[in-house]
């Protein structure tokens, strides 16, 4: 099992602790030393005030933050979790991703999502109702740009009439692209257009707010994976689908960690085909985060590496 550690770049309330070049570098290097396979960042460029008032959070720009992590490390992967393609022109996004991949020595994992915050879409001039179609289109456009060859492409509000993007990503044909979301459409998108799928625990009580399907148990996840497998067979996909999930025993916000519960959850997830998990660790200071990274590395990461 591979584990991706969440850099606490959402902690805009503790900028001196977490939002400095030194903080990102030190935390990323510690995660690499502890055996984590990746570090990840989230994305919220301009969230609505109402969402922020009800538990939402800010985040620094993912590509910039991961660039600082890349400069301080040599092997750990750089994971966007998630990058919202419908917020931006796909060719601009493709250039940012390819640049980070080249400068990091080919370490990017591009987790993408359709997005769910309508006020943020509106503020950015993006169309919420078309986000799924725009996401599908963007994946195709980005993959075309990453070939390094001349591209002719008709998109939603943009057109390439013979344009070329260099440098190509170091990873060929491009960085691993994982699709987020629990819906059947997200699963089909992952199977048809991507390399992986990254659903997330989603209680039924908040499913309407997150605009994706409820997902509360490993049994429900296994059912979704069966749907993915059936769809892959129906379209003739032979390549395995990387699956990333959040284990039990911790919280998305980085609460208290139950090491044994995390390990048991990872064993269960591995048995149904999950090969990556993401974790956020507790710690109100950089020193506390560093301690949590070291402890989790010893107690969990190294014990599940062969799962």
Foldseek 3Di string as FASTA:
>chain_A
DAEEEEQVQQPPVCCVFRVDLVLLLVLLALLVVLQHQAYEFEADPDADPVVVVVDDTHGDDLLVSLLSNLVNDQGHAYEYPAAAQQLDDLVVVLQSQQVSQVVSVRRYAYEYELFQGVVSCVVSVGDNVCSLVSVLQSLVVSLQQLCQAWDFDDDDVDTRPTDHDDDHRPDPPGHFYEYEAAAPSSLLSCLPRGQAYEYEAADPVCCVRGVGDHDHDVVVVLVSVVSSVVSNVVVVNDHDHAYEYAFPQADPVADDGDLVRRQVRVVSNVVSPHDYYYDYHDDPGSVRSSVRSNVCSVSHNVVVVPD
